[in-house]
Protein backbone atom coordinates (compact mmCIF):
# COMPACT_ATOMS: atom_id res chain seq x y z
CA MET A 1 23.33 7.03 54.05
CA ASP A 2 23.02 3.24 54.13
CA THR A 3 19.85 1.57 55.42
CA GLY A 4 21.49 0.23 58.59
CA SER A 5 22.70 3.69 59.63
CA HIS A 6 19.32 5.29 58.97
CA LEU A 7 17.55 2.69 61.12
CA LEU A 8 20.14 3.06 63.89
CA PHE A 9 19.62 6.82 63.96
CA GLY A 10 15.87 6.22 64.08
CA ALA A 11 16.32 4.15 67.23
CA THR A 12 18.64 6.69 68.87
CA LEU A 13 16.24 9.55 68.08
CA ALA A 14 13.66 7.66 70.13
CA GLY A 15 16.20 7.60 72.97
CA LEU A 16 16.71 11.35 72.60
CA ALA A 17 12.93 11.80 72.84
CA MET A 18 13.15 10.42 76.38
CA LEU A 19 14.31 13.88 77.45
CA ASP A 20 10.59 14.64 77.55
CA PRO A 21 9.23 13.28 80.89
CA VAL A 22 5.83 12.73 79.27
CA ILE A 23 7.40 10.24 76.85
CA ALA A 24 9.82 8.70 79.33
CA GLN A 25 7.08 7.90 81.87
CA ASP A 26 4.56 6.40 79.43
CA PRO A 27 5.62 2.98 78.03
CA GLU A 28 2.90 2.98 75.34
CA LEU A 29 3.90 6.43 74.15
CA SER A 30 7.61 5.65 74.21
CA HIS A 31 7.02 2.51 72.13
CA ALA A 32 4.90 4.54 69.71
CA ILE A 33 7.68 7.14 69.39
CA LEU A 34 10.24 4.39 68.73
CA THR A 35 8.01 2.90 66.02
CA ALA A 36 7.48 6.32 64.44
CA THR A 37 11.18 7.25 64.40
CA LEU A 38 12.22 3.86 63.02
CA ILE A 39 9.71 4.11 60.17
CA GLY A 40 10.47 7.79 59.61
CA SER A 41 14.20 7.17 59.47
CA HIS A 42 13.67 4.83 56.50
CA ALA A 43 10.49 6.20 54.88
CA PRO A 44 12.15 8.36 52.18
CA ASP A 45 13.89 5.23 50.88
CA PHE A 46 10.60 3.43 50.28
CA ASP A 47 11.19 4.56 46.69
CA SER A 48 13.52 1.55 46.39
CA PHE A 49 10.53 -0.45 45.17
CA THR A 50 11.07 1.24 41.78
CA ARG A 51 13.92 -1.23 41.23
CA LEU A 52 11.18 -3.68 40.29
CA ARG A 53 10.62 -1.55 37.17
CA GLY A 54 14.31 -1.64 36.23
CA TYR A 55 17.40 0.32 37.15
CA SER A 56 16.58 3.24 34.85
CA ALA A 57 13.32 3.82 36.78
CA TYR A 58 15.25 3.55 40.05
CA ILE A 59 17.77 6.18 38.92
CA ARG A 60 14.98 8.58 38.03
CA PHE A 61 13.02 8.18 41.28
CA HIS A 62 15.51 7.27 44.04
CA ARG A 63 16.19 10.25 46.32
CA GLY A 64 13.78 12.26 44.21
CA ILE A 65 10.20 13.14 45.09
CA THR A 66 10.27 10.94 48.21
CA HIS A 67 13.02 13.22 49.57
CA SER A 68 11.36 16.49 48.49
CA LEU A 69 10.08 19.39 50.58
CA PRO A 70 6.42 18.23 50.47
CA ALA A 71 7.52 14.68 51.37
CA MET A 72 9.18 15.96 54.54
CA LEU A 73 5.70 16.80 55.84
CA LEU A 74 3.75 14.04 54.11
CA TRP A 75 5.81 11.14 55.51
CA PRO A 76 5.32 12.17 59.18
CA LEU A 77 1.58 12.56 58.57
CA LEU A 78 1.34 9.12 56.98
CA ILE A 79 3.29 7.66 59.91
CA THR A 80 1.50 9.49 62.74
CA VAL A 81 -2.06 8.42 61.95
CA PRO A 82 -1.59 4.60 61.90
CA VAL A 83 0.96 4.59 64.76
CA ALA A 84 -1.31 6.68 66.99
CA ALA A 85 -4.18 4.32 66.21
CA MET A 86 -2.07 1.21 66.79
CA PHE A 87 -0.83 2.28 70.23
CA GLY A 88 -3.92 4.24 71.26
CA VAL A 89 -2.02 7.48 71.88
CA TRP A 90 -4.17 9.97 69.95
CA PRO A 91 -3.78 12.69 72.63
CA TYR A 92 -0.05 12.68 71.82
CA ALA A 93 -0.37 12.67 68.02
CA SER A 94 1.50 15.99 67.84
CA LEU A 95 4.51 14.42 69.60
CA LEU A 96 4.43 11.49 67.18
CA PHE A 97 4.36 13.92 64.27
CA ILE A 98 7.28 15.99 65.63
CA TRP A 99 9.57 13.02 66.23
CA SER A 100 8.71 11.26 62.97
CA LEU A 101 9.37 14.61 61.24
CA ALA A 102 12.77 14.77 62.97
CA ALA A 103 13.58 11.27 61.70
CA VAL A 104 12.56 12.08 58.12
CA VAL A 105 14.44 15.38 58.04
CA PHE A 106 17.58 13.82 59.55
CA HIS A 107 17.45 11.07 56.90
CA ILE A 108 17.21 13.58 54.06
CA ALA A 109 19.90 15.83 55.55
CA LEU A 110 22.36 12.94 55.80
CA ASP A 111 21.64 12.01 52.17
CA TRP A 112 22.23 15.66 51.22
CA PHE A 113 25.67 15.53 52.83
CA ASN A 114 26.61 12.59 50.55
CA ALA A 115 28.04 12.86 47.01
CA TYR A 116 25.28 10.82 45.34
CA GLY A 117 22.85 13.71 45.57
CA VAL A 118 19.21 14.24 46.48
CA GLN A 119 16.38 16.32 45.01
CA CYS A 120 15.51 17.74 48.42
CA PHE A 121 14.41 21.15 47.12
CA ARG A 122 11.66 19.91 44.83
CA PRO A 123 9.30 21.42 43.68
CA ILE A 124 11.31 24.66 43.91
CA SER A 125 14.19 23.03 42.02
CA ASN A 126 14.67 19.60 40.44
CA LYS A 127 18.44 19.94 40.66
CA TRP A 128 20.39 17.10 42.28
CA SER A 129 21.93 18.69 45.35
CA HIS A 130 24.89 17.26 47.28
CA LEU A 131 27.39 18.67 49.76
CA ASP A 132 29.97 15.87 49.34
CA PHE A 133 31.53 15.84 52.79
CA MET A 134 30.23 12.53 54.16
CA SER A 135 30.30 8.94 52.92
CA LEU A 136 27.33 6.64 52.46
CA PHE A 137 28.54 4.89 55.63
CA ASP A 138 30.34 6.82 58.36
CA PRO A 139 32.19 4.56 60.83
CA PHE A 140 32.40 7.24 63.53
CA LEU A 141 28.70 8.11 63.59
CA PHE A 142 27.69 4.46 63.36
CA SER A 143 30.02 3.56 66.25
CA ILE A 144 28.95 6.23 68.73
CA HIS A 145 25.25 5.70 68.04
CA GLY A 146 25.66 1.93 68.16
CA ILE A 147 27.47 2.14 71.50
CA GLY A 148 24.81 4.52 72.80
CA LEU A 149 22.03 2.13 71.79
CA LEU A 150 23.83 -0.75 73.52
CA VAL A 151 24.27 1.29 76.72
CA TRP A 152 20.56 2.14 76.63
CA ILE A 153 19.61 -1.53 76.33
CA VAL A 154 21.88 -3.00 79.01
CA THR A 155 22.08 -0.23 81.65
CA GLU A 156 19.81 2.05 83.64
CA PHE A 157 21.49 5.16 82.29
CA SER A 158 19.05 7.93 81.33
CA PRO A 159 18.62 7.60 77.54
CA GLY A 160 17.59 11.22 77.13
CA MET A 161 20.82 12.65 78.53
CA LEU A 162 22.90 9.90 76.91
CA PHE A 163 21.64 10.68 73.42
CA LEU A 164 21.68 14.42 74.02
CA TRP A 165 25.45 14.08 74.38
CA ILE A 166 25.70 11.71 71.41
CA TYR A 167 23.69 13.98 69.11
CA GLY A 168 25.71 16.97 70.30
CA ILE A 169 28.92 15.14 69.39
CA SER A 170 27.37 14.05 66.07
CA ILE A 171 26.46 17.61 65.10
CA ALA A 172 29.94 18.85 66.04
CA TYR A 173 31.50 16.03 64.02
CA ILE A 174 29.38 16.85 60.95
CA VAL A 175 30.42 20.51 61.20
CA VAL A 176 34.08 19.52 61.43
CA ARG A 177 33.76 17.28 58.35
CA ALA A 178 32.14 20.14 56.43
CA ILE A 179 35.00 22.48 57.38
CA GLN A 180 37.58 19.82 56.52
CA HIS A 181 35.90 19.35 53.13
CA ARG A 182 36.19 23.06 52.31
CA GLN A 183 39.86 22.95 53.28
CA MET A 184 40.45 20.01 50.92
CA ILE A 185 38.89 21.91 48.02
CA ALA A 186 41.16 24.89 48.73
CA LYS A 187 44.22 22.61 48.83
CA VAL A 188 43.37 21.00 45.49
CA ARG A 189 42.83 24.37 43.82
CA LYS A 190 46.13 25.66 45.20
CA LYS A 191 47.99 22.53 44.07
CA LEU A 192 46.59 22.30 40.53
CA GLN A 193 46.35 26.02 39.77
CA LEU A 194 43.46 25.40 37.37
CA ASP A 195 40.25 27.31 36.76
CA GLY A 196 37.22 25.07 36.99
CA ASN A 197 34.75 23.28 39.19
CA CYS A 198 36.41 21.27 41.96
CA GLN A 199 34.59 18.43 43.70
CA VAL A 200 36.09 16.55 46.65
CA ILE A 201 34.54 13.29 47.90
CA PRO A 202 35.48 11.58 51.21
CA GLY A 203 36.62 8.04 51.80
CA LEU A 204 36.03 6.08 54.99
CA SER A 205 39.24 7.48 56.47
CA TRP A 206 39.28 11.03 57.81
CA PHE A 207 42.52 11.65 55.94
CA ARG A 208 41.72 10.19 52.51
CA TRP A 209 39.68 11.97 49.88
CA GLN A 210 39.39 11.90 46.12
CA PHE A 211 38.79 14.83 43.81
CA VAL A 212 37.61 15.81 40.35
CA MET A 213 38.71 19.10 38.84
CA GLU A 214 36.56 19.95 35.84
CA THR A 215 37.91 22.42 33.27
CA PRO A 216 36.23 23.35 29.97
CA LEU A 217 37.88 20.43 28.14
CA LEU A 218 39.22 17.97 30.73
CA PHE A 219 38.55 16.18 34.01
CA TYR A 220 41.57 15.91 36.33
CA ILE A 221 41.01 13.09 38.81
CA GLY A 222 43.11 12.26 41.82
CA THR A 223 43.53 11.47 45.49
CA ILE A 224 44.32 13.30 48.71
CA ARG A 225 46.19 11.31 51.34
CA GLY A 226 47.13 13.51 54.28
CA LYS A 227 49.13 16.37 52.77
CA GLU A 228 49.80 14.55 49.49
CA ILE A 229 47.69 15.51 46.47
CA VAL A 230 48.18 13.40 43.34
CA VAL A 231 46.53 13.59 39.90
CA GLU A 232 45.86 9.97 38.91
CA ASP A 233 44.01 10.28 35.58
CA VAL A 234 42.87 12.82 33.01
CA TYR A 235 39.69 12.31 30.96
CA SER A 236 38.40 14.32 28.02
CA LYS A 237 34.95 15.88 28.20
CA ASP A 238 33.87 16.19 24.59
CA GLU A 239 33.81 13.22 22.26
CA THR A 240 31.13 12.65 19.68
CA ASN A 241 30.49 10.56 16.59
CA GLU A 242 27.55 8.87 14.92
CA ALA A 243 27.65 5.88 17.28
CA ILE A 244 27.55 8.09 20.37
CA ARG A 245 24.72 10.18 18.95
CA ALA A 246 22.77 6.99 18.17
CA THR A 247 22.71 6.10 21.90
CA LEU A 248 21.14 9.37 23.05
CA SER A 249 17.60 8.11 22.49
CA THR A 250 18.03 4.93 24.56
CA ASP A 251 16.26 4.65 27.90
CA GLY A 252 19.51 3.88 29.72
CA VAL A 253 21.32 6.99 28.45
CA ARG A 254 18.32 9.25 29.11
CA ALA A 255 18.11 7.97 32.70
CA PHE A 256 21.87 8.32 33.14
CA LEU A 257 21.97 11.90 31.82
CA TYR A 258 19.02 12.82 34.06
CA PHE A 259 21.19 11.97 37.07
CA ALA A 260 24.85 12.30 36.01
CA GLN A 261 26.72 15.57 36.48
CA ARG A 262 30.26 15.03 35.20
CA VAL A 263 29.92 13.06 32.01
CA HIS A 264 32.64 11.26 30.09
CA VAL A 265 31.69 9.22 27.01
CA SER A 266 33.85 6.96 24.89
CA CYS A 267 33.27 4.78 21.84
CA LYS A 268 35.13 1.58 20.99
CA GLU A 269 34.80 -0.12 17.63
CA ARG A 270 34.50 -3.92 17.82
CA GLN A 271 34.19 -6.74 15.31
CA ASP A 272 30.42 -6.88 15.77
CA GLY A 273 29.83 -3.12 15.97
CA TYR A 274 30.45 -0.50 18.64
CA MET A 275 30.49 -0.20 22.41
CA VAL A 276 29.59 3.25 23.74
CA GLU A 277 30.37 3.82 27.41
CA TRP A 278 28.84 6.73 29.35
CA ARG A 279 30.36 7.40 32.76
CA ASP A 280 29.87 9.81 35.67
CA VAL A 281 33.40 10.92 36.56
CA ARG A 282 32.36 11.91 40.09
CA PHE A 283 32.49 8.26 41.13
CA TRP A 284 36.04 7.51 40.08
CA HIS A 285 38.13 4.98 41.98
CA ASN A 286 41.42 3.19 41.31
CA HIS A 287 41.65 4.29 37.65
CA LYS A 288 38.12 3.08 36.95
CA LEU A 289 34.77 4.78 36.40
CA PRO A 290 32.34 2.28 37.94
CA PHE A 291 29.02 4.07 37.41
CA GLY A 292 27.42 4.51 34.00
CA VAL A 293 25.69 2.89 31.08
CA ASP A 294 27.12 0.68 28.33
CA ILE A 295 25.33 0.62 24.96
CA GLN A 296 26.22 -2.07 22.43
CA LEU A 297 25.47 -1.20 18.79
CA ASP A 298 25.76 -3.20 15.59
CA HIS A 299 27.41 -1.82 12.44
CA ASN A 300 24.09 -0.24 11.41
CA LEU A 301 24.02 1.68 14.72
CA GLN A 302 21.08 -0.31 16.01
CA VAL A 303 21.01 -0.96 19.77
CA VAL A 304 21.83 -4.59 20.56
CA ASP A 305 22.11 -4.36 24.35
CA GLN A 306 22.38 -1.84 27.18
CA CYS A 307 23.45 -2.05 30.81
CA LEU A 308 22.99 0.72 33.37
CA GLY A 309 24.37 0.75 36.91
CA TRP A 310 27.44 0.16 39.07
CA ARG A 311 30.38 -2.00 38.09
CA LYS A 312 31.76 -2.56 41.57
CA LYS A 313 31.11 -4.60 44.68
CA THR A 314 28.95 -2.96 47.38
CA TRP A 315 31.87 -2.83 49.82
CA GLU A 316 34.22 -1.19 47.31
CA PRO A 317 34.74 2.59 47.03
CA PRO A 318 33.36 5.06 46.22
CA PHE A 319 30.93 4.98 49.14
CA VAL A 320 27.99 7.01 47.76
């Protein structure tokens, strides 16, 4: 999910920890737990520093090894030692480890629920895994946790019980979204009557989704609004020529293909050469494919320029 949501959940996990009387009655320990959960809730995204090496490096590393199975244990260990030393709470190091572990695991789980994907099963599998039923930003979860945090700050209400209810509602909500997602896939399959791989991605609204139906030759892309299912565009899967093949060795295309899962490629001849556009069809919106890599070639098929990344504003769909 987005950074703001992760940090918010880190703060509310510290409130949930107040269910333990040992934590609730010790200000130093409670502050240490809050520090640990805040850091843990963001720690897997420390891989964002790879942007300094370029977007292709970021694509290869983001939500990769820092979100892996070993990292789930390594991050809490790296957090526990300095936080315990800083607050002088070594006797409670196990509690610090448990709650920082909860923050790290919750972060990775929420990323797993998103359509972008995460390599959370490394080293067992390097496959990008995604469950597709939640957006990068979820207004409902952000609202109830934000309200809960505000109540904790301005009232005397017991934070442990408050956040026990909020996390109970959150888990129920996540389950409902997962069920709703499965129902949307079934509806699309019934409507299109096509054999293939169907992927449904949520919007910010509970009643708006978008889908990609992949058949051996085509991608059918469309929207779900309430009970209405509409195919908006159809893209071909297989296109190849010398210009497209010439881009396969570029760093941008290698990074893109390492991450992308539903690939559409097109080639346009121009006065000064060719423009080859690689796109991941999963992230379709409003008749556009905003994520991919553009490779500009001259007439001798030499690379002139390349651009990898998103071609949309941050606040524009899709929210992945």
